[in-house]
Amino acid sequence: MIQRRTALGLAAALAMPGLARAQGSFPDRNLRYIVPFPPAGLTDIMARIVAQRLTEVIGKPVVIENRAGNSGIIGADVAAKAQPDGHTLLAITMTHTVNATLFPNAPYDFRRDFTTLSLLGSLPLVVVVNAEKNPARDLSTLLEQVRTRQMSGASSGNGSPPHLGLELLRRTAGAGDNLVHVPYRGGAPSVTDLAAGNIDVMVSNLPECLAQIRGGRLRPLAITSAERHPLVPEVPTARELGKPELEITNWTAVMTNAAVPAPIRAKLERDILTSIRDAETTRKGQEAGFQVLGWEAARSQQFVAAETERWATLVREAGIRSEG
């Protein structure tokens, strides 16, 4: 036993210089920050804000690489197959936790292949109706409408946060089949159709419908975060209105391959936290509509795991299926 312990200790000691060299030289080239959605979207905006400061902190360029397609799966697959040396980061949202159940045959295992470095920011959703065509001026009136007559609800696609929000609205109202889901390819066209009066209701990402709210074309009835949002401070939360079951928050986080060595993951975590907690980074994130978080890896990993299980339950119970 003593000889075995001595051998193990010797092996560890011999390995330490190599490990120290690897850690000391990281990063030795540019970092790829894969955003699995198109440019100018909410996930892309936050990733670019963080990447700008992270480039300064880490001492190497952090290059955004948009690899959109298939609800974020294409970009995530690229990150999963990248060399696990810490030079590849992946931007994720709530959508990826939904995908873990919605796409059981995805080319990677979300729970196994990735680890979260930091939850960067969150975005509330807001229950909105057409201000001209819908007389509802409070959430209770809308819930009564949904419960007693057939209505159409838009989302930015099957399994998207607005779709999950719509399912929560259906359950809160006890609407059964009265609320018909109409999926669109993105948030902008769904909000446009709601403003045009072609759709009855939406649980929209706040930044995507903010201009229409401010322009008076959409009427916000409730916000789905735990607290009111500074961009629409007059809009009450679902919890304030006695409907905490309607709470849903979209969010974005940064991940890397789970096989990246622990010392490199720890350095990435430190540098990302320094970047996201920077005053200028925080200001830019808030201007984009985010509540800037900057959570440590352990807390972020627990949150992402809980979200993955929460939406797995709703996807199964609601019978949500992937498109195509």
C-alpha atoms as a PDB file:
ATOM      1  CA  MET A   1       0.000   0.000   0.000  1.00  0.00           C
ATOM      2  CA  ILE A   2       2.854   2.385   0.915  1.00  0.00           C
ATOM      3  CA  GLN A   3       4.625   1.602  -2.370  1.00  0.00           C
ATOM      4  CA  ARG A   4       1.376   2.253  -4.324  1.00  0.00           C
ATOM      5  CA  ARG A   5       0.877   5.614  -2.602  1.00  0.00           C
ATOM      6  CA  THR A   6       4.478   6.538  -3.286  1.00  0.00           C
ATOM      7  CA  ALA A   7       4.079   5.640  -6.951  1.00  0.00           C
ATOM      8  CA  LEU A   8       0.900   7.687  -7.220  1.00  0.00           C
ATOM      9  CA  GLY A   9       2.551  10.647  -5.541  1.00  0.00           C
ATOM     10  CA  LEU A  10       5.537  10.409  -7.867  1.00  0.00           C
ATOM     11  CA  ALA A  11       3.248  10.265 -10.920  1.00  0.00           C
ATOM     12  CA  ALA A  12       1.352  13.321  -9.727  1.00  0.00           C
ATOM     13  CA  ALA A  13       4.581  15.217  -9.104  1.00  0.00           C
ATOM     14  CA  LEU A  14       5.886  14.362 -12.555  1.00  0.00           C
ATOM     15  CA  ALA A  15       2.610  15.460 -14.128  1.00  0.00           C
ATOM     16  CA  MET A  16       2.505  18.825 -12.340  1.00  0.00           C
ATOM     17  CA  PRO A  17       5.169  20.640 -14.408  1.00  0.00           C
ATOM     18  CA  GLY A  18       3.382  19.700 -17.622  1.00  0.00           C
ATOM     19  CA  LEU A  19       0.054  20.772 -16.161  1.00  0.00           C
ATOM     20  CA  ALA A  20       1.556  24.045 -14.975  1.00  0.00           C
ATOM     21  CA  ARG A  21       3.051  24.702 -18.418  1.00  0.00           C
ATOM     22  CA  ALA A  22      -0.301  24.002 -20.090  1.00  0.00           C
ATOM     23  CA  GLN A  23      -2.122  26.287 -17.690  1.00  0.00           C
ATOM     24  CA  GLY A  24       0.571  28.962 -17.868  1.00  0.00           C
ATOM     25  CA  SER A  25       0.487  29.138 -21.664  1.00  0.00           C
ATOM     26  CA  PHE A  26      -3.320  29.295 -21.919  1.00  0.00           C
ATOM     27  CA  PRO A  27      -4.554  30.791 -24.090  1.00  0.00           C
ATOM     28  CA  ASP A  28      -1.905  30.447 -26.780  1.00  0.00           C
ATOM     29  CA  ARG A  29      -4.168  31.567 -29.643  1.00  0.00           C
ATOM     30  CA  ASN A  30      -7.502  33.256 -30.342  1.00  0.00           C
ATOM     31  CA  LEU A  31     -10.613  32.035 -28.522  1.00  0.00           C
ATOM     32  CA  ARG A  32     -13.678  31.031 -30.550  1.00  0.00           C
ATOM     33  CA  TYR A  33     -16.941  32.179 -29.002  1.00  0.00           C
ATOM     34  CA  ILE A  34     -19.623  30.266 -30.885  1.00  0.00           C
ATOM     35  CA  VAL A  35     -23.038  31.901 -30.999  1.00  0.00           C
ATOM     36  CA  PRO A  36     -25.527  29.333 -32.370  1.00  0.00           C
ATOM     37  CA  PHE A  37     -27.923  32.046 -33.571  1.00  0.00           C
ATOM     38  CA  PRO A  38     -27.791  34.780 -36.238  1.00  0.00           C
ATOM     39  CA  PRO A  39     -25.994  38.101 -35.668  1.00  0.00           C
ATOM     40  CA  ALA A  40     -27.821  40.951 -33.911  1.00  0.00           C
ATOM     41  CA  GLY A  41     -30.049  38.651 -31.856  1.00  0.00           C
ATOM     42  CA  LEU A  42     -30.160  38.880 -28.075  1.00  0.00           C
ATOM     43  CA  THR A  43     -27.673  36.055 -27.492  1.00  0.00           C
ATOM     44  CA  ASP A  44     -25.286  37.529 -30.054  1.00  0.00           C
ATOM     45  CA  ILE A  45     -25.525  40.999 -28.501  1.00  0.00           C
ATOM     46  CA  MET A  46     -24.564  39.778 -25.021  1.00  0.00           C
ATOM     47  CA  ALA A  47     -21.784  37.557 -26.381  1.00  0.00           C
ATOM     48  CA  ARG A  48     -20.219  40.490 -28.228  1.00  0.00           C
ATOM     49  CA  ILE A  49     -20.445  42.726 -25.172  1.00  0.00           C
ATOM     50  CA  VAL A  50     -18.638  40.122 -23.055  1.00  0.00           C
ATOM     51  CA  ALA A  51     -16.134  39.211 -25.785  1.00  0.00           C
ATOM     52  CA  GLN A  52     -14.984  42.813 -26.101  1.00  0.00           C
ATOM     53  CA  ARG A  53     -13.946  43.007 -22.462  1.00  0.00           C
ATOM     54  CA  LEU A  54     -12.766  39.381 -22.283  1.00  0.00           C
ATOM     55  CA  THR A  55     -10.308  40.080 -25.108  1.00  0.00           C
ATOM     56  CA  GLU A  56      -8.662  42.697 -22.888  1.00  0.00           C
ATOM     57  CA  VAL A  57      -8.737  40.545 -19.760  1.00  0.00           C
ATOM     58  CA  ILE A  58      -7.469  37.308 -21.270  1.00  0.00           C
ATOM     59  CA  GLY A  59      -4.877  38.877 -23.565  1.00  0.00           C
ATOM     60  CA  LYS A  60      -5.970  37.180 -26.801  1.00  0.00           C
ATOM     61  CA  PRO A  61      -8.718  38.059 -29.302  1.00  0.00           C
ATOM     62  CA  VAL A  62     -12.083  36.477 -28.530  1.00  0.00           C
ATOM     63  CA  VAL A  63     -13.706  35.998 -31.924  1.00  0.00           C
ATOM     64  CA  ILE A  64     -17.471  35.646 -32.279  1.00  0.00           C
ATOM     65  CA  GLU A  65     -18.471  32.883 -34.674  1.00  0.00           C
ATOM     66  CA  ASN A  66     -22.161  32.747 -35.616  1.00  0.00           C
ATOM     67  CA  ARG A  67     -23.180  29.166 -36.448  1.00  0.00           C
ATOM     68  CA  ALA A  68     -26.960  29.407 -36.617  1.00  0.00           C
ATOM     69  CA  GLY A  69     -29.481  26.714 -37.431  1.00  0.00           C
ATOM     70  CA  ASN A  70     -31.808  24.050 -36.084  1.00  0.00           C
ATOM     71  CA  SER A  71     -32.758  25.901 -32.874  1.00  0.00           C
ATOM     72  CA  GLY A  72     -29.153  26.366 -31.811  1.00  0.00           C
ATOM     73  CA  ILE A  73     -28.158  22.731 -32.308  1.00  0.00           C
ATOM     74  CA  ILE A  74     -25.742  23.296 -35.203  1.00  0.00           C
ATOM     75  CA  GLY A  75     -23.554  25.714 -33.272  1.00  0.00           C
ATOM     76  CA  ALA A  76     -23.678  23.614 -30.122  1.00  0.00           C
ATOM     77  CA  ASP A  77     -22.550  20.581 -32.112  1.00  0.00           C
ATOM     78  CA  VAL A  78     -19.551  22.517 -33.456  1.00  0.00           C
ATOM     79  CA  ALA A  79     -18.581  23.405 -29.883  1.00  0.00           C
ATOM     80  CA  ALA A  80     -19.103  19.836 -28.676  1.00  0.00           C
ATOM     81  CA  LYS A  81     -16.729  18.500 -31.331  1.00  0.00           C
ATOM     82  CA  ALA A  82     -14.041  21.157 -30.839  1.00  0.00           C
ATOM     83  CA  GLN A  83     -10.737  20.292 -29.191  1.00  0.00           C
ATOM     84  CA  PRO A  84     -11.399  20.392 -25.413  1.00  0.00           C
ATOM     85  CA  ASP A  85      -8.530  22.750 -24.655  1.00  0.00           C
ATOM     86  CA  GLY A  86     -10.514  25.778 -23.509  1.00  0.00           C
ATOM     87  CA  HIS A  87     -10.119  27.777 -26.716  1.00  0.00           C
ATOM     88  CA  THR A  88     -13.798  27.261 -27.677  1.00  0.00           C
ATOM     89  CA  LEU A  89     -16.684  28.876 -25.823  1.00  0.00           C
ATOM     90  CA  LEU A  90     -20.397  28.391 -26.495  1.00  0.00           C
ATOM     91  CA  ALA A  91     -23.185  30.880 -25.923  1.00  0.00           C
ATOM     92  CA  ILE A  92     -26.399  29.201 -24.820  1.00  0.00           C
ATOM     93  CA  THR A  93     -29.885  30.274 -23.839  1.00  0.00           C
ATOM     94  CA  MET A  94     -32.906  28.706 -22.207  1.00  0.00           C
ATOM     95  CA  THR A  95     -33.589  27.201 -25.662  1.00  0.00           C
ATOM     96  CA  HIS A  96     -30.720  24.732 -25.230  1.00  0.00           C
ATOM     97  CA  THR A  97     -32.171  23.379 -21.998  1.00  0.00           C
ATOM     98  CA  VAL A  98     -35.457  22.818 -23.825  1.00  0.00           C
ATOM     99  CA  ASN A  99     -33.622  21.180 -26.735  1.00  0.00           C
ATOM    100  CA  ALA A 100     -32.202  18.580 -24.363  1.00  0.00           C
ATOM    101  CA  THR A 101     -35.688  17.001 -24.329  1.00  0.00           C
ATOM    102  CA  LEU A 102     -37.160  18.339 -27.568  1.00  0.00           C
ATOM    103  CA  PHE A 103     -34.348  16.840 -29.684  1.00  0.00           C
ATOM    104  CA  PRO A 104     -33.489  13.477 -28.088  1.00  0.00           C
ATOM    105  CA  ASN A 105     -31.381  12.521 -31.134  1.00  0.00           C
ATOM    106  CA  ALA A 106     -29.208  15.643 -31.125  1.00  0.00           C
ATOM    107  CA  PRO A 107     -25.576  14.881 -32.145  1.00  0.00           C
ATOM    108  CA  TYR A 108     -24.341  15.724 -28.640  1.00  0.00           C
ATOM    109  CA  ASP A 109     -25.470  15.155 -25.061  1.00  0.00           C
ATOM    110  CA  PHE A 110     -26.196  18.555 -23.533  1.00  0.00           C
ATOM    111  CA  ARG A 111     -26.067  17.315 -19.946  1.00  0.00           C
ATOM    112  CA  ARG A 112     -22.829  15.370 -20.426  1.00  0.00           C
ATOM    113  CA  ASP A 113     -20.764  17.240 -23.024  1.00  0.00           C
ATOM    114  CA  PHE A 114     -20.854  20.814 -21.692  1.00  0.00           C
ATOM    115  CA  THR A 115     -20.194  22.660 -18.473  1.00  0.00           C
ATOM    116  CA  THR A 116     -21.405  26.161 -17.638  1.00  0.00           C
ATOM    117  CA  LEU A 117     -18.794  28.800 -16.817  1.00  0.00           C
ATOM    118  CA  SER A 118     -21.153  31.661 -15.984  1.00  0.00           C
ATOM    119  CA  LEU A 119     -24.758  32.732 -16.278  1.00  0.00           C
ATOM    120  CA  LEU A 120     -24.317  36.138 -17.898  1.00  0.00           C
ATOM    121  CA  GLY A 121     -27.727  37.771 -17.985  1.00  0.00           C
ATOM    122  CA  SER A 122     -31.470  37.231 -17.953  1.00  0.00           C
ATOM    123  CA  LEU A 123     -34.381  38.685 -19.878  1.00  0.00           C
ATOM    124  CA  PRO A 124     -38.015  38.732 -18.825  1.00  0.00           C
ATOM    125  CA  LEU A 125     -40.885  37.899 -21.104  1.00  0.00           C
ATOM    126  CA  VAL A 126     -43.994  40.043 -21.232  1.00  0.00           C
ATOM    127  CA  VAL A 127     -47.619  39.119 -21.900  1.00  0.00           C
ATOM    128  CA  VAL A 128     -48.812  41.447 -24.670  1.00  0.00           C
ATOM    129  CA  VAL A 129     -51.975  41.954 -26.725  1.00  0.00           C
ATOM    130  CA  ASN A 130     -52.896  44.209 -29.615  1.00  0.00           C
ATOM    131  CA  ALA A 131     -53.747  47.564 -28.023  1.00  0.00           C
ATOM    132  CA  GLU A 132     -56.420  48.444 -30.595  1.00  0.00           C
ATOM    133  CA  LYS A 133     -58.172  45.128 -31.108  1.00  0.00           C
ATOM    134  CA  ASN A 134     -58.096  43.582 -27.635  1.00  0.00           C
ATOM    135  CA  PRO A 135     -59.931  45.415 -24.832  1.00  0.00           C
ATOM    136  CA  ALA A 136     -58.094  43.531 -22.059  1.00  0.00           C
ATOM    137  CA  ARG A 137     -56.319  45.963 -19.754  1.00  0.00           C
ATOM    138  CA  ASP A 138     -55.237  43.497 -17.104  1.00  0.00           C
ATOM    139  CA  LEU A 139     -54.065  39.903 -16.896  1.00  0.00           C
ATOM    140  CA  SER A 140     -57.238  38.561 -15.281  1.00  0.00           C
ATOM    141  CA  THR A 141     -59.342  39.800 -18.203  1.00  0.00           C
ATOM    142  CA  LEU A 142     -57.002  38.163 -20.680  1.00  0.00           C
ATOM    143  CA  LEU A 143     -57.063  34.870 -18.768  1.00  0.00           C
ATOM    144  CA  GLU A 144     -60.866  34.942 -18.873  1.00  0.00           C
ATOM    145  CA  GLN A 145     -60.733  35.509 -22.637  1.00  0.00           C
ATOM    146  CA  VAL A 146     -58.344  32.598 -23.121  1.00  0.00           C
ATOM    147  CA  ARG A 147     -60.497  30.377 -20.951  1.00  0.00           C
ATOM    148  CA  THR A 148     -63.818  31.156 -22.661  1.00  0.00           C
ATOM    149  CA  ARG A 149     -63.088  31.581 -26.365  1.00  0.00           C
ATOM    150  CA  GLN A 150     -60.658  30.403 -29.010  1.00  0.00           C
ATOM    151  CA  MET A 151     -57.599  32.592 -29.408  1.00  0.00           C
ATOM    152  CA  SER A 152     -54.317  32.442 -31.310  1.00  0.00           C
ATOM    153  CA  GLY A 153     -50.951  32.824 -29.634  1.00  0.00           C
ATOM    154  CA  ALA A 154     -47.715  33.499 -31.470  1.00  0.00           C
ATOM    155  CA  SER A 155     -44.183  32.400 -30.674  1.00  0.00           C
ATOM    156  CA  SER A 156     -40.779  32.548 -32.302  1.00  0.00           C
ATOM    157  CA  GLY A 157     -40.850  28.786 -32.915  1.00  0.00           C
ATOM    158  CA  ASN A 158     -41.589  25.419 -31.314  1.00  0.00           C
ATOM    159  CA  GLY A 159     -39.766  25.050 -28.024  1.00  0.00           C
ATOM    160  CA  SER A 160     -38.719  28.713 -27.908  1.00  0.00           C
ATOM    161  CA  PRO A 161     -39.095  30.689 -24.647  1.00  0.00           C
ATOM    162  CA  PRO A 162     -42.206  32.493 -26.018  1.00  0.00           C
ATOM    163  CA  HIS A 163     -43.720  29.085 -26.845  1.00  0.00           C
ATOM    164  CA  LEU A 164     -43.057  27.816 -23.323  1.00  0.00           C
ATOM    165  CA  GLY A 165     -44.481  31.080 -21.973  1.00  0.00           C
ATOM    166  CA  LEU A 166     -47.608  30.539 -24.045  1.00  0.00           C
ATOM    167  CA  GLU A 167     -47.993  27.042 -22.623  1.00  0.00           C
ATOM    168  CA  LEU A 168     -47.713  28.458 -19.109  1.00  0.00           C
ATOM    169  CA  LEU A 169     -50.380  31.035 -20.023  1.00  0.00           C
ATOM    170  CA  ARG A 170     -52.631  28.225 -21.268  1.00  0.00           C
ATOM    171  CA  ARG A 171     -52.180  26.310 -18.017  1.00  0.00           C
ATOM    172  CA  THR A 172     -52.672  29.387 -15.855  1.00  0.00           C
ATOM    173  CA  ALA A 173     -55.954  30.143 -17.651  1.00  0.00           C
ATOM    174  CA  GLY A 174     -57.108  26.525 -17.711  1.00  0.00           C
ATOM    175  CA  ALA A 175     -57.699  27.069 -21.417  1.00  0.00           C
ATOM    176  CA  GLY A 176     -57.441  23.540 -22.756  1.00  0.00           C
ATOM    177  CA  ASP A 177     -57.421  23.671 -26.546  1.00  0.00           C
ATOM    178  CA  ASN A 178     -58.759  27.230 -26.756  1.00  0.00           C
ATOM    179  CA  LEU A 179     -55.319  28.759 -27.201  1.00  0.00           C
ATOM    180  CA  VAL A 180     -53.933  27.803 -30.620  1.00  0.00           C
ATOM    181  CA  HIS A 181     -50.152  28.031 -30.958  1.00  0.00           C
ATOM    182  CA  VAL A 182     -48.869  29.706 -34.152  1.00  0.00           C
ATOM    183  CA  PRO A 183     -45.074  29.280 -34.479  1.00  0.00           C
ATOM    184  CA  TYR A 184     -43.039  31.777 -36.504  1.00  0.00           C
ATOM    185  CA  ARG A 185     -39.422  31.731 -37.607  1.00  0.00           C
ATOM    186  CA  GLY A 186     -38.156  34.303 -35.164  1.00  0.00           C
ATOM    187  CA  GLY A 187     -39.385  36.910 -32.740  1.00  0.00           C
ATOM    188  CA  ALA A 188     -39.615  39.885 -35.105  1.00  0.00           C
ATOM    189  CA  PRO A 189     -42.235  38.457 -37.519  1.00  0.00           C
ATOM    190  CA  SER A 190     -44.386  37.143 -34.664  1.00  0.00           C
ATOM    191  CA  VAL A 191     -44.416  40.528 -32.921  1.00  0.00           C
ATOM    192  CA  THR A 192     -45.150  42.262 -36.238  1.00  0.00           C
ATOM    193  CA  ASP A 193     -48.180  40.049 -36.844  1.00  0.00           C
ATOM    194  CA  LEU A 194     -49.453  40.651 -33.316  1.00  0.00           C
ATOM    195  CA  ALA A 195     -49.138  44.416 -33.826  1.00  0.00           C
ATOM    196  CA  ALA A 196     -51.009  44.057 -37.134  1.00  0.00           C
ATOM    197  CA  GLY A 197     -53.884  42.287 -35.380  1.00  0.00           C
ATOM    198  CA  ASN A 198     -53.361  38.928 -37.060  1.00  0.00           C
ATOM    199  CA  ILE A 199     -52.623  37.189 -33.732  1.00  0.00           C
ATOM    200  CA  ASP A 200     -54.405  37.582 -30.394  1.00  0.00           C
ATOM    201  CA  VAL A 201     -51.711  37.264 -27.752  1.00  0.00           C
ATOM    202  CA  MET A 202     -48.027  36.624 -27.202  1.00  0.00           C
ATOM    203  CA  VAL A 203     -45.617  36.017 -24.336  1.00  0.00           C
ATOM    204  CA  SER A 204     -42.728  37.837 -25.959  1.00  0.00           C
ATOM    205  CA  ASN A 205     -39.112  38.488 -25.081  1.00  0.00           C
ATOM    206  CA  LEU A 206     -39.249  42.065 -23.773  1.00  0.00           C
ATOM    207  CA  PRO A 207     -36.599  43.600 -26.074  1.00  0.00           C
ATOM    208  CA  GLU A 208     -38.327  42.176 -29.148  1.00  0.00           C
ATOM    209  CA  CYS A 209     -41.622  43.940 -28.441  1.00  0.00           C
ATOM    210  CA  LEU A 210     -40.410  47.024 -26.562  1.00  0.00           C
ATOM    211  CA  ALA A 211     -40.640  49.366 -29.561  1.00  0.00           C
ATOM    212  CA  GLN A 212     -44.220  48.258 -30.257  1.00  0.00           C
ATOM    213  CA  ILE A 213     -45.129  48.779 -26.590  1.00  0.00           C
ATOM    214  CA  ARG A 214     -43.621  52.258 -26.566  1.00  0.00           C
ATOM    215  CA  GLY A 215     -45.325  53.026 -29.857  1.00  0.00           C
ATOM    216  CA  GLY A 216     -48.710  52.128 -28.356  1.00  0.00           C
ATOM    217  CA  ARG A 217     -49.444  49.267 -30.734  1.00  0.00           C
ATOM    218  CA  LEU A 218     -49.070  46.554 -28.078  1.00  0.00           C
ATOM    219  CA  ARG A 219     -50.420  46.613 -24.536  1.00  0.00           C
ATOM    220  CA  PRO A 220     -48.331  44.844 -21.859  1.00  0.00           C
ATOM    221  CA  LEU A 221     -50.376  43.104 -19.168  1.00  0.00           C
ATOM    222  CA  ALA A 222     -47.759  41.322 -17.068  1.00  0.00           C
ATOM    223  CA  ILE A 223     -44.046  40.717 -16.939  1.00  0.00           C
ATOM    224  CA  THR A 224     -42.842  37.203 -16.198  1.00  0.00           C
ATOM    225  CA  SER A 225     -39.755  37.933 -14.111  1.00  0.00           C
ATOM    226  CA  ALA A 226     -39.679  37.913 -10.316  1.00  0.00           C
ATOM    227  CA  GLU A 227     -39.263  41.701 -10.228  1.00  0.00           C
ATOM    228  CA  ARG A 228     -40.445  44.592 -12.346  1.00  0.00           C
ATOM    229  CA  HIS A 229     -38.144  45.667 -15.168  1.00  0.00           C
ATOM    230  CA  PRO A 230     -36.651  49.174 -15.355  1.00  0.00           C
ATOM    231  CA  LEU A 231     -37.493  49.478 -19.060  1.00  0.00           C
ATOM    232  CA  VAL A 232     -41.225  49.012 -18.299  1.00  0.00           C
ATOM    233  CA  PRO A 233     -41.528  49.781 -14.582  1.00  0.00           C
ATOM    234  CA  GLU A 234     -45.286  50.315 -14.843  1.00  0.00           C
ATOM    235  CA  VAL A 235     -45.930  46.696 -15.876  1.00  0.00           C
ATOM    236  CA  PRO A 236     -46.732  44.434 -12.867  1.00  0.00           C
ATOM    237  CA  THR A 237     -45.163  41.017 -12.448  1.00  0.00           C
ATOM    238  CA  ALA A 238     -47.212  37.847 -12.757  1.00  0.00           C
ATOM    239  CA  ARG A 239     -46.401  37.137  -9.102  1.00  0.00           C
ATOM    240  CA  GLU A 240     -47.801  40.514  -8.052  1.00  0.00           C
ATOM    241  CA  LEU A 241     -50.985  39.599  -9.888  1.00  0.00           C
ATOM    242  CA  GLY A 242     -51.281  36.306  -8.016  1.00  0.00           C
ATOM    243  CA  LYS A 243     -50.020  34.112 -10.880  1.00  0.00           C
ATOM    244  CA  PRO A 244     -46.500  32.974  -9.927  1.00  0.00           C
ATOM    245  CA  GLU A 245     -46.934  29.882 -12.110  1.00  0.00           C
ATOM    246  CA  LEU A 246     -46.562  32.209 -15.102  1.00  0.00           C
ATOM    247  CA  GLU A 247     -42.982  33.102 -14.225  1.00  0.00           C
ATOM    248  CA  ILE A 248     -40.475  32.368 -16.987  1.00  0.00           C
ATOM    249  CA  THR A 249     -37.156  34.051 -17.679  1.00  0.00           C
ATOM    250  CA  ASN A 250     -35.041  33.787 -20.785  1.00  0.00           C
ATOM    251  CA  TRP A 251     -31.317  33.930 -20.126  1.00  0.00           C
ATOM    252  CA  THR A 252     -27.922  33.489 -21.689  1.00  0.00           C
ATOM    253  CA  ALA A 253     -24.830  31.729 -20.367  1.00  0.00           C
ATOM    254  CA  VAL A 254     -21.375  30.779 -21.577  1.00  0.00           C
ATOM    255  CA  MET A 255     -20.245  27.150 -21.629  1.00  0.00           C
ATOM    256  CA  THR A 256     -17.270  25.121 -22.693  1.00  0.00           C
ATOM    257  CA  ASN A 257     -16.561  21.454 -23.311  1.00  0.00           C
ATOM    258  CA  ALA A 258     -16.858  19.417 -20.107  1.00  0.00           C
ATOM    259  CA  ALA A 259     -13.549  17.691 -20.933  1.00  0.00           C
ATOM    260  CA  VAL A 260     -11.547  20.929 -20.678  1.00  0.00           C
ATOM    261  CA  PRO A 261      -8.989  20.525 -17.854  1.00  0.00           C
ATOM    262  CA  ALA A 262     -10.158  21.945 -14.526  1.00  0.00           C
ATOM    263  CA  PRO A 263      -7.325  24.532 -14.188  1.00  0.00           C
ATOM    264  CA  ILE A 264      -8.206  26.008 -17.579  1.00  0.00           C
ATOM    265  CA  ARG A 265     -11.931  26.035 -16.743  1.00  0.00           C
ATOM    266  CA  ALA A 266     -11.095  27.863 -13.525  1.00  0.00           C
ATOM    267  CA  LYS A 267      -9.089  30.502 -15.400  1.00  0.00           C
ATOM    268  CA  LEU A 268     -11.875  30.962 -17.942  1.00  0.00           C
ATOM    269  CA  GLU A 269     -14.389  31.362 -15.129  1.00  0.00           C
ATOM    270  CA  ARG A 270     -12.263  34.000 -13.392  1.00  0.00           C
ATOM    271  CA  ASP A 271     -11.663  35.973 -16.578  1.00  0.00           C
ATOM    272  CA  ILE A 272     -15.294  35.800 -17.685  1.00  0.00           C
ATOM    273  CA  LEU A 273     -16.488  36.967 -14.270  1.00  0.00           C
ATOM    274  CA  THR A 274     -14.018  39.848 -14.376  1.00  0.00           C
ATOM    275  CA  SER A 275     -15.353  40.771 -17.814  1.00  0.00           C
ATOM    276  CA  ILE A 276     -19.097  40.547 -17.118  1.00  0.00           C
ATOM    277  CA  ARG A 277     -18.781  42.330 -13.763  1.00  0.00           C
ATOM    278  CA  ASP A 278     -16.920  45.243 -15.331  1.00  0.00           C
ATOM    279  CA  ALA A 279     -18.948  48.452 -14.926  1.00  0.00           C
ATOM    280  CA  GLU A 280     -18.947  49.278 -18.643  1.00  0.00           C
ATOM    281  CA  THR A 281     -19.915  45.721 -19.612  1.00  0.00           C
ATOM    282  CA  THR A 282     -22.749  45.804 -17.100  1.00  0.00           C
ATOM    283  CA  ARG A 283     -23.988  49.135 -18.435  1.00  0.00           C
ATOM    284  CA  LYS A 284     -24.019  47.869 -22.029  1.00  0.00           C
ATOM    285  CA  GLY A 285     -25.850  44.701 -21.015  1.00  0.00           C
ATOM    286  CA  GLN A 286     -28.497  46.660 -19.147  1.00  0.00           C
ATOM    287  CA  GLU A 287     -29.004  48.982 -22.110  1.00  0.00           C
ATOM    288  CA  ALA A 288     -29.694  45.882 -24.223  1.00  0.00           C
ATOM    289  CA  GLY A 289     -32.468  44.898 -21.786  1.00  0.00           C
ATOM    290  CA  PHE A 290     -30.596  42.307 -19.718  1.00  0.00           C
ATOM    291  CA  GLN A 291     -30.413  41.944 -16.008  1.00  0.00           C
ATOM    292  CA  VAL A 292     -26.666  41.360 -15.842  1.00  0.00           C
ATOM    293  CA  LEU A 293     -25.845  38.464 -13.494  1.00  0.00           C
ATOM    294  CA  GLY A 294     -22.274  37.189 -13.706  1.00  0.00           C
ATOM    295  CA  TRP A 295     -22.802  34.090 -11.540  1.00  0.00           C
ATOM    296  CA  GLU A 296     -19.967  31.757 -10.558  1.00  0.00           C
ATOM    297  CA  ALA A 297     -19.701  28.405 -12.332  1.00  0.00           C
ATOM    298  CA  ALA A 298     -21.075  26.246  -9.496  1.00  0.00           C
ATOM    299  CA  ARG A 299     -24.223  28.342  -9.094  1.00  0.00           C
ATOM    300  CA  SER A 300     -24.655  28.599 -12.864  1.00  0.00           C
ATOM    301  CA  GLN A 301     -24.361  24.840 -13.319  1.00  0.00           C
ATOM    302  CA  GLN A 302     -27.040  24.199 -10.706  1.00  0.00           C
ATOM    303  CA  PHE A 303     -29.342  26.716 -12.368  1.00  0.00           C
ATOM    304  CA  VAL A 304     -28.893  25.261 -15.872  1.00  0.00           C
ATOM    305  CA  ALA A 305     -29.487  21.730 -14.557  1.00  0.00           C
ATOM    306  CA  ALA A 306     -32.700  22.848 -12.819  1.00  0.00           C
ATOM    307  CA  GLU A 307     -33.906  24.637 -15.959  1.00  0.00           C
ATOM    308  CA  THR A 308     -33.204  21.549 -18.060  1.00  0.00           C
ATOM    309  CA  GLU A 309     -35.389  19.421 -15.794  1.00  0.00           C
ATOM    310  CA  ARG A 310     -38.139  22.043 -15.461  1.00  0.00           C
ATOM    311  CA  TRP A 311     -38.619  22.369 -19.212  1.00  0.00           C
ATOM    312  CA  ALA A 312     -38.272  18.631 -19.773  1.00  0.00           C
ATOM    313  CA  THR A 313     -41.384  18.193 -17.631  1.00  0.00           C
ATOM    314  CA  LEU A 314     -43.364  20.854 -19.512  1.00  0.00           C
ATOM    315  CA  VAL A 315     -42.280  19.615 -22.959  1.00  0.00           C
ATOM    316  CA  ARG A 316     -43.424  16.098 -22.129  1.00  0.00           C
ATOM    317  CA  GLU A 317     -46.679  17.080 -20.449  1.00  0.00           C
ATOM    318  CA  ALA A 318     -47.641  19.571 -23.181  1.00  0.00           C
ATOM    319  CA  GLY A 319     -46.658  17.170 -25.962  1.00  0.00           C
ATOM    320  CA  ILE A 320     -44.420  19.758 -27.635  1.00  0.00           C
ATOM    321  CA  ARG A 321     -42.710  18.438 -30.738  1.00  0.00           C
ATOM    322  CA  SER A 322     -39.812  19.808 -32.765  1.00  0.00           C
ATOM    323  CA  GLU A 323     -40.564  21.403 -36.126  1.00  0.00           C
ATOM    324  CA  GLY A 324     -39.930  19.450 -39.263  1.00  0.00           C
END
